Amino acid sequence: MKNIILVTSLIAVMGTSLMAESSDEYAEAFRKAFREKNDIILRVGVDALGGVDDISGSGLNKKGSEQDMGFEVAIGAEEKVEDFEWGSRRMMTLYSYGETTYYNRNYKAEIFNSGIETTAATYFKATQYFKPYVGVGIGLNINSYDDHGSYRTSDDYQFSVHAVGGVSGELFTGIGYYAEYKYRFAPTERLQVTPEGSSTALEIENKGVDGGVFMAGLSYQF
């Protein structure tokens, strides 16, 4: 009986070792094949237009919003192609849309949006310096709304879809640039509220990340 247990244990150990070795070999083969066909891309970008200010009026008649500059960081893979060929690119992006201060007369709220999204794009490699592209993607946005106790404070998770069009390229080997216009379709909220301490109803607006934005930045490709 002891011999049977010993033999069984040895077979199990050898089988586990062989499986681990086979798994490592498969992973290495997959990595090698992937790197032969694709480059890795790292990106850091900002809202090219800076902050947005659409305030009208002043004092108790102040209406509109002030939005700080947004930024993003991304990682992805780009298919290796020759000049005058089409290729594909997949990116995963973390973004901060920029903090927004919203005013409507005596009502004030802080709105902050951040999220993660993935984009699949097709590009045309005219040269390594100039690669125009278009793409589509989906994302998950966190919309934080805080009017400091006047009416509501909430953190909402919202799905979004987007389309992009832009241009990228390498300035030097590995070091490059990108500039793109991204339009997101996301929930927009309008509510009739009566702020605390007021007898007048107001319409407040929370656009979230719905709308267009110009992004530009630097990339590292290897």
C-alpha atoms as a PDB file:
ATOM      1  CA  MET A   1       0.000   0.000   0.000  1.00  0.00           C
ATOM      2  CA  LYS A   2       2.850   2.391   0.882  1.00  0.00           C
ATOM      3  CA  ASN A   3       4.490   1.664  -2.475  1.00  0.00           C
ATOM      4  CA  ILE A   4       1.270   2.460  -4.328  1.00  0.00           C
ATOM      5  CA  ILE A   5       0.909   5.766  -2.456  1.00  0.00           C
ATOM      6  CA  LEU A   6       4.565   6.612  -3.150  1.00  0.00           C
ATOM      7  CA  VAL A   7       4.256   5.868  -6.867  1.00  0.00           C
ATOM      8  CA  THR A   8       1.011   7.839  -7.093  1.00  0.00           C
ATOM      9  CA  SER A   9       2.604  10.805  -5.349  1.00  0.00           C
ATOM     10  CA  LEU A  10       5.612  10.733  -7.682  1.00  0.00           C
ATOM     11  CA  ILE A  11       3.356  10.619 -10.740  1.00  0.00           C
ATOM     12  CA  ALA A  12       1.301  13.562  -9.400  1.00  0.00           C
ATOM     13  CA  VAL A  13       4.435  15.633  -8.720  1.00  0.00           C
ATOM     14  CA  MET A  14       5.940  14.823 -12.135  1.00  0.00           C
ATOM     15  CA  GLY A  15       2.631  15.588 -13.838  1.00  0.00           C
ATOM     16  CA  THR A  16       2.357  18.949 -12.051  1.00  0.00           C
ATOM     17  CA  SER A  17       5.937  19.836 -13.009  1.00  0.00           C
ATOM     18  CA  LEU A  18       5.319  18.888 -16.631  1.00  0.00           C
ATOM     19  CA  MET A  19       2.109  20.928 -16.716  1.00  0.00           C
ATOM     20  CA  ALA A  20       3.869  23.946 -15.204  1.00  0.00           C
ATOM     21  CA  GLU A  21       6.733  23.618 -17.674  1.00  0.00           C
ATOM     22  CA  SER A  22       4.303  23.249 -20.566  1.00  0.00           C
ATOM     23  CA  SER A  23       2.332  26.290 -19.357  1.00  0.00           C
ATOM     24  CA  ASP A  24       5.513  28.380 -19.129  1.00  0.00           C
ATOM     25  CA  GLU A  25       6.565  27.308 -22.614  1.00  0.00           C
ATOM     26  CA  TYR A  26       3.122  28.175 -24.004  1.00  0.00           C
ATOM     27  CA  ALA A  27       3.175  31.588 -22.292  1.00  0.00           C
ATOM     28  CA  GLU A  28       6.658  32.321 -23.636  1.00  0.00           C
ATOM     29  CA  ALA A  29       5.665  31.251 -27.150  1.00  0.00           C
ATOM     30  CA  PHE A  30       2.550  33.459 -26.976  1.00  0.00           C
ATOM     31  CA  ARG A  31       4.584  36.426 -25.717  1.00  0.00           C
ATOM     32  CA  LYS A  32       7.164  35.977 -28.480  1.00  0.00           C
ATOM     33  CA  ALA A  33       4.522  35.701 -31.199  1.00  0.00           C
ATOM     34  CA  PHE A  34       2.686  38.747 -29.829  1.00  0.00           C
ATOM     35  CA  ARG A  35       5.832  40.901 -29.682  1.00  0.00           C
ATOM     36  CA  GLU A  36       6.817  39.915 -33.219  1.00  0.00           C
ATOM     37  CA  LYS A  37       3.544  41.364 -34.514  1.00  0.00           C
ATOM     38  CA  ASN A  38       2.859  44.228 -32.092  1.00  0.00           C
ATOM     39  CA  ASP A  39       4.476  47.198 -30.372  1.00  0.00           C
ATOM     40  CA  ILE A  40       3.548  48.287 -26.842  1.00  0.00           C
ATOM     41  CA  ILE A  41       2.421  51.917 -26.498  1.00  0.00           C
ATOM     42  CA  LEU A  42       2.361  54.136 -23.406  1.00  0.00           C
ATOM     43  CA  ARG A  43       0.597  57.508 -23.585  1.00  0.00           C
ATOM     44  CA  VAL A  44       0.185  60.586 -21.388  1.00  0.00           C
ATOM     45  CA  GLY A  45      -2.096  63.357 -22.609  1.00  0.00           C
ATOM     46  CA  VAL A  46      -4.067  66.424 -21.545  1.00  0.00           C
ATOM     47  CA  ASP A  47      -7.098  68.355 -22.734  1.00  0.00           C
ATOM     48  CA  ALA A  48      -5.548  70.421 -25.530  1.00  0.00           C
ATOM     49  CA  LEU A  49      -8.008  73.289 -25.010  1.00  0.00           C
ATOM     50  CA  GLY A  50      -7.336  73.520 -21.282  1.00  0.00           C
ATOM     51  CA  GLY A  51     -10.180  74.305 -18.928  1.00  0.00           C
ATOM     52  CA  VAL A  52     -13.670  75.307 -20.062  1.00  0.00           C
ATOM     53  CA  ASP A  53     -15.437  78.418 -18.752  1.00  0.00           C
ATOM     54  CA  ASP A  54     -18.992  79.174 -19.873  1.00  0.00           C
ATOM     55  CA  ILE A  55     -20.016  81.372 -16.936  1.00  0.00           C
ATOM     56  CA  SER A  56     -22.479  84.192 -17.489  1.00  0.00           C
ATOM     57  CA  GLY A  57     -23.544  86.822 -14.988  1.00  0.00           C
ATOM     58  CA  SER A  58     -22.029  87.441 -11.568  1.00  0.00           C
ATOM     59  CA  GLY A  59     -22.915  87.280  -7.895  1.00  0.00           C
ATOM     60  CA  LEU A  60     -26.352  85.773  -7.292  1.00  0.00           C
ATOM     61  CA  ASN A  61     -27.017  85.784 -11.051  1.00  0.00           C
ATOM     62  CA  LYS A  62     -23.972  83.645 -11.876  1.00  0.00           C
ATOM     63  CA  LYS A  63     -24.847  80.702 -14.126  1.00  0.00           C
ATOM     64  CA  GLY A  64     -22.822  78.069 -15.987  1.00  0.00           C
ATOM     65  CA  SER A  65     -19.768  75.989 -15.190  1.00  0.00           C
ATOM     66  CA  GLU A  66     -15.995  76.178 -14.871  1.00  0.00           C
ATOM     67  CA  GLN A  67     -14.079  73.018 -15.763  1.00  0.00           C
ATOM     68  CA  ASP A  68     -10.413  72.347 -14.977  1.00  0.00           C
ATOM     69  CA  MET A  69      -8.059  70.722 -17.493  1.00  0.00           C
ATOM     70  CA  GLY A  70      -8.485  66.951 -17.838  1.00  0.00           C
ATOM     71  CA  PHE A  71      -5.762  64.377 -18.417  1.00  0.00           C
ATOM     72  CA  GLU A  72      -5.316  60.701 -19.306  1.00  0.00           C
ATOM     73  CA  VAL A  73      -2.787  57.863 -19.217  1.00  0.00           C
ATOM     74  CA  ALA A  74      -3.050  54.857 -21.507  1.00  0.00           C
ATOM     75  CA  ILE A  75      -1.391  51.586 -22.431  1.00  0.00           C
ATOM     76  CA  GLY A  76      -2.006  49.522 -25.515  1.00  0.00           C
ATOM     77  CA  ALA A  77      -0.713  47.506 -28.442  1.00  0.00           C
ATOM     78  CA  GLU A  78      -0.188  48.551 -32.046  1.00  0.00           C
ATOM     79  CA  GLU A  79       0.147  46.154 -34.956  1.00  0.00           C
ATOM     80  CA  LYS A  80       3.454  46.443 -36.827  1.00  0.00           C
ATOM     81  CA  VAL A  81       2.936  47.340 -40.495  1.00  0.00           C
ATOM     82  CA  GLU A  82       4.978  48.816 -43.317  1.00  0.00           C
ATOM     83  CA  ASP A  83       4.511  52.287 -44.828  1.00  0.00           C
ATOM     84  CA  PHE A  84       1.253  52.745 -46.791  1.00  0.00           C
ATOM     85  CA  GLU A  85      -0.416  49.837 -44.972  1.00  0.00           C
ATOM     86  CA  TRP A  86      -3.367  49.666 -42.582  1.00  0.00           C
ATOM     87  CA  GLY A  87      -2.913  48.447 -39.028  1.00  0.00           C
ATOM     88  CA  SER A  88      -4.902  48.030 -35.803  1.00  0.00           C
ATOM     89  CA  ARG A  89      -4.421  49.500 -32.340  1.00  0.00           C
ATOM     90  CA  ARG A  90      -6.048  48.666 -28.982  1.00  0.00           C
ATOM     91  CA  MET A  91      -5.787  51.053 -26.047  1.00  0.00           C
ATOM     92  CA  MET A  92      -6.835  50.982 -22.384  1.00  0.00           C
ATOM     93  CA  THR A  93      -7.186  54.478 -20.898  1.00  0.00           C
ATOM     94  CA  LEU A  94      -7.554  55.880 -17.393  1.00  0.00           C
ATOM     95  CA  TYR A  95      -8.803  59.466 -17.396  1.00  0.00           C
ATOM     96  CA  SER A  96      -9.718  62.400 -15.213  1.00  0.00           C
ATOM     97  CA  TYR A  97     -12.216  64.656 -16.961  1.00  0.00           C
ATOM     98  CA  GLY A  98     -11.342  67.638 -14.781  1.00  0.00           C
ATOM     99  CA  GLU A  99     -13.215  69.001 -11.778  1.00  0.00           C
ATOM    100  CA  THR A 100     -16.220  71.143 -12.681  1.00  0.00           C
ATOM    101  CA  THR A 101     -17.807  73.852 -10.540  1.00  0.00           C
ATOM    102  CA  TYR A 102     -21.448  74.379 -11.483  1.00  0.00           C
ATOM    103  CA  TYR A 103     -23.371  77.580 -10.678  1.00  0.00           C
ATOM    104  CA  ASN A 104     -27.046  78.447 -10.953  1.00  0.00           C
ATOM    105  CA  ARG A 105     -27.732  81.689  -9.088  1.00  0.00           C
ATOM    106  CA  ASN A 106     -27.309  80.895  -5.395  1.00  0.00           C
ATOM    107  CA  TYR A 107     -26.783  77.167  -6.095  1.00  0.00           C
ATOM    108  CA  LYS A 108     -23.261  75.719  -6.375  1.00  0.00           C
ATOM    109  CA  ALA A 109     -22.013  72.154  -6.880  1.00  0.00           C
ATOM    110  CA  GLU A 110     -18.691  70.388  -7.436  1.00  0.00           C
ATOM    111  CA  ILE A 111     -18.723  67.676 -10.120  1.00  0.00           C
ATOM    112  CA  PHE A 112     -15.820  65.308 -10.720  1.00  0.00           C
ATOM    113  CA  ASN A 113     -15.622  62.646 -13.430  1.00  0.00           C
ATOM    114  CA  SER A 114     -13.014  59.933 -13.853  1.00  0.00           C
ATOM    115  CA  GLY A 115     -13.066  56.521 -15.451  1.00  0.00           C
ATOM    116  CA  ILE A 116     -11.613  53.784 -17.578  1.00  0.00           C
ATOM    117  CA  GLU A 117     -12.266  53.007 -21.228  1.00  0.00           C
ATOM    118  CA  THR A 118     -11.046  50.773 -24.013  1.00  0.00           C
ATOM    119  CA  THR A 119     -10.686  51.765 -27.664  1.00  0.00           C
ATOM    120  CA  ALA A 120     -10.198  49.745 -30.843  1.00  0.00           C
ATOM    121  CA  ALA A 121      -8.782  51.805 -33.707  1.00  0.00           C
ATOM    122  CA  THR A 122      -7.621  51.393 -37.285  1.00  0.00           C
ATOM    123  CA  TYR A 123      -4.729  53.510 -38.536  1.00  0.00           C
ATOM    124  CA  PHE A 124      -2.990  54.173 -41.826  1.00  0.00           C
ATOM    125  CA  LYS A 125       0.809  54.333 -41.685  1.00  0.00           C
ATOM    126  CA  ALA A 126       1.788  56.951 -44.258  1.00  0.00           C
ATOM    127  CA  THR A 127       5.217  57.129 -42.582  1.00  0.00           C
ATOM    128  CA  GLN A 128       6.412  56.509 -39.043  1.00  0.00           C
ATOM    129  CA  TYR A 129       5.870  60.248 -38.437  1.00  0.00           C
ATOM    130  CA  PHE A 130       2.262  60.421 -39.619  1.00  0.00           C
ATOM    131  CA  LYS A 131      -0.411  57.836 -38.852  1.00  0.00           C
ATOM    132  CA  PRO A 132      -4.040  59.070 -38.999  1.00  0.00           C
ATOM    133  CA  TYR A 133      -6.607  56.858 -37.263  1.00  0.00           C
ATOM    134  CA  VAL A 134     -10.256  56.370 -36.341  1.00  0.00           C
ATOM    135  CA  GLY A 135     -11.770  54.163 -33.639  1.00  0.00           C
ATOM    136  CA  VAL A 136     -14.637  53.357 -31.293  1.00  0.00           C
ATOM    137  CA  GLY A 137     -14.833  52.148 -27.718  1.00  0.00           C
ATOM    138  CA  ILE A 138     -16.713  51.792 -24.443  1.00  0.00           C
ATOM    139  CA  GLY A 139     -16.019  52.948 -20.912  1.00  0.00           C
ATOM    140  CA  LEU A 140     -17.140  53.181 -17.305  1.00  0.00           C
ATOM    141  CA  ASN A 141     -17.320  56.644 -15.747  1.00  0.00           C
ATOM    142  CA  ILE A 142     -17.581  57.593 -12.060  1.00  0.00           C
ATOM    143  CA  ASN A 143     -19.635  60.759 -11.669  1.00  0.00           C
ATOM    144  CA  SER A 144     -19.213  62.397  -8.266  1.00  0.00           C
ATOM    145  CA  TYR A 145     -21.699  65.179  -7.495  1.00  0.00           C
ATOM    146  CA  ASP A 146     -21.535  67.293  -4.339  1.00  0.00           C
ATOM    147  CA  ASP A 147     -23.497  70.463  -3.595  1.00  0.00           C
ATOM    148  CA  HIS A 148     -22.339  70.523   0.038  1.00  0.00           C
ATOM    149  CA  GLY A 149     -25.644  69.453   1.550  1.00  0.00           C
ATOM    150  CA  SER A 150     -27.882  71.781  -0.404  1.00  0.00           C
ATOM    151  CA  TYR A 151     -29.694  69.020  -2.289  1.00  0.00           C
ATOM    152  CA  ARG A 152     -27.646  65.919  -3.150  1.00  0.00           C
ATOM    153  CA  THR A 153     -24.299  64.191  -2.819  1.00  0.00           C
ATOM    154  CA  SER A 154     -23.784  61.067  -4.928  1.00  0.00           C
ATOM    155  CA  ASP A 155     -21.309  58.816  -6.741  1.00  0.00           C
ATOM    156  CA  ASP A 156     -22.848  57.272  -9.839  1.00  0.00           C
ATOM    157  CA  TYR A 157     -21.318  54.651 -12.165  1.00  0.00           C
ATOM    158  CA  GLN A 158     -22.228  55.330 -15.782  1.00  0.00           C
ATOM    159  CA  PHE A 159     -21.468  53.434 -18.978  1.00  0.00           C
ATOM    160  CA  SER A 160     -20.328  55.436 -21.997  1.00  0.00           C
ATOM    161  CA  VAL A 161     -19.462  54.839 -25.632  1.00  0.00           C
ATOM    162  CA  HIS A 162     -17.130  56.975 -27.710  1.00  0.00           C
ATOM    163  CA  ALA A 163     -15.693  57.598 -31.160  1.00  0.00           C
ATOM    164  CA  VAL A 164     -12.224  59.002 -31.873  1.00  0.00           C
ATOM    165  CA  GLY A 165     -10.346  60.429 -34.813  1.00  0.00           C
ATOM    166  CA  GLY A 166      -6.799  61.669 -34.761  1.00  0.00           C
ATOM    167  CA  VAL A 167      -3.193  61.408 -35.803  1.00  0.00           C
ATOM    168  CA  SER A 168      -0.096  59.917 -34.168  1.00  0.00           C
ATOM    169  CA  GLY A 169       3.516  59.273 -35.071  1.00  0.00           C
ATOM    170  CA  GLU A 170       7.105  58.879 -33.878  1.00  0.00           C
ATOM    171  CA  LEU A 171       9.270  61.995 -33.613  1.00  0.00           C
ATOM    172  CA  PHE A 172      12.326  59.908 -32.728  1.00  0.00           C
ATOM    173  CA  THR A 173      12.756  56.162 -32.349  1.00  0.00           C
ATOM    174  CA  GLY A 174      10.231  55.170 -29.696  1.00  0.00           C
ATOM    175  CA  ILE A 175       9.257  58.739 -28.720  1.00  0.00           C
ATOM    176  CA  GLY A 176       6.122  60.061 -30.361  1.00  0.00           C
ATOM    177  CA  TYR A 177       3.019  62.241 -30.200  1.00  0.00           C
ATOM    178  CA  TYR A 178      -0.718  61.972 -30.639  1.00  0.00           C
ATOM    179  CA  ALA A 179      -3.612  64.397 -31.069  1.00  0.00           C
ATOM    180  CA  GLU A 180      -7.229  63.283 -31.235  1.00  0.00           C
ATOM    181  CA  TYR A 181     -10.820  64.397 -30.994  1.00  0.00           C
ATOM    182  CA  LYS A 182     -12.933  62.135 -28.797  1.00  0.00           C
ATOM    183  CA  TYR A 183     -16.693  62.315 -28.550  1.00  0.00           C
ATOM    184  CA  ARG A 184     -18.361  60.475 -25.680  1.00  0.00           C
ATOM    185  CA  PHE A 185     -22.010  59.554 -25.445  1.00  0.00           C
ATOM    186  CA  ALA A 186     -22.901  59.385 -21.745  1.00  0.00           C
ATOM    187  CA  PRO A 187     -25.860  60.087 -19.432  1.00  0.00           C
ATOM    188  CA  THR A 188     -26.935  63.728 -18.990  1.00  0.00           C
ATOM    189  CA  GLU A 189     -29.126  64.730 -16.062  1.00  0.00           C
ATOM    190  CA  ARG A 190     -31.440  67.704 -15.609  1.00  0.00           C
ATOM    191  CA  LEU A 191     -33.411  68.102 -12.378  1.00  0.00           C
ATOM    192  CA  GLN A 192     -35.843  70.592 -10.893  1.00  0.00           C
ATOM    193  CA  VAL A 193     -34.681  71.165  -7.302  1.00  0.00           C
ATOM    194  CA  THR A 194     -35.363  73.493  -4.418  1.00  0.00           C
ATOM    195  CA  PRO A 195     -32.054  74.073  -2.611  1.00  0.00           C
ATOM    196  CA  GLU A 196     -31.981  74.104   1.175  1.00  0.00           C
ATOM    197  CA  GLY A 197     -32.861  77.544   2.543  1.00  0.00           C
ATOM    198  CA  SER A 198     -34.574  78.615  -0.711  1.00  0.00           C
ATOM    199  CA  SER A 199     -38.201  78.695  -1.797  1.00  0.00           C
ATOM    200  CA  THR A 200     -37.363  78.988  -5.503  1.00  0.00           C
ATOM    201  CA  ALA A 201     -37.075  75.919  -7.717  1.00  0.00           C
ATOM    202  CA  LEU A 202     -34.059  75.727 -10.024  1.00  0.00           C
ATOM    203  CA  GLU A 203     -33.127  73.501 -12.927  1.00  0.00           C
ATOM    204  CA  ILE A 204     -29.674  71.982 -12.385  1.00  0.00           C
ATOM    205  CA  GLU A 205     -27.637  70.182 -15.031  1.00  0.00           C
ATOM    206  CA  ASN A 206     -25.070  67.389 -14.741  1.00  0.00           C
ATOM    207  CA  LYS A 207     -23.611  66.574 -18.184  1.00  0.00           C
ATOM    208  CA  GLY A 208     -21.009  64.122 -16.870  1.00  0.00           C
ATOM    209  CA  VAL A 209     -18.612  63.277 -19.714  1.00  0.00           C
ATOM    210  CA  ASP A 210     -21.128  63.637 -22.522  1.00  0.00           C
ATOM    211  CA  GLY A 211     -19.663  65.638 -25.410  1.00  0.00           C
ATOM    212  CA  GLY A 212     -16.408  66.200 -27.262  1.00  0.00           C
ATOM    213  CA  VAL A 213     -12.861  66.811 -26.087  1.00  0.00           C
ATOM    214  CA  PHE A 214      -9.512  67.402 -27.808  1.00  0.00           C
ATOM    215  CA  MET A 215      -6.658  65.382 -26.325  1.00  0.00           C
ATOM    216  CA  ALA A 216      -2.960  65.722 -27.128  1.00  0.00           C
ATOM    217  CA  GLY A 217       0.183  64.269 -25.604  1.00  0.00           C
ATOM    218  CA  LEU A 218       3.338  62.206 -25.845  1.00  0.00           C
ATOM    219  CA  SER A 219       3.806  58.480 -26.347  1.00  0.00           C
ATOM    220  CA  TYR A 220       6.499  55.868 -25.906  1.00  0.00           C
ATOM    221  CA  GLN A 221       6.471  52.894 -28.271  1.00  0.00           C
ATOM    222  CA  PHE A 222       8.620  49.788 -27.976  1.00  0.00           C
END
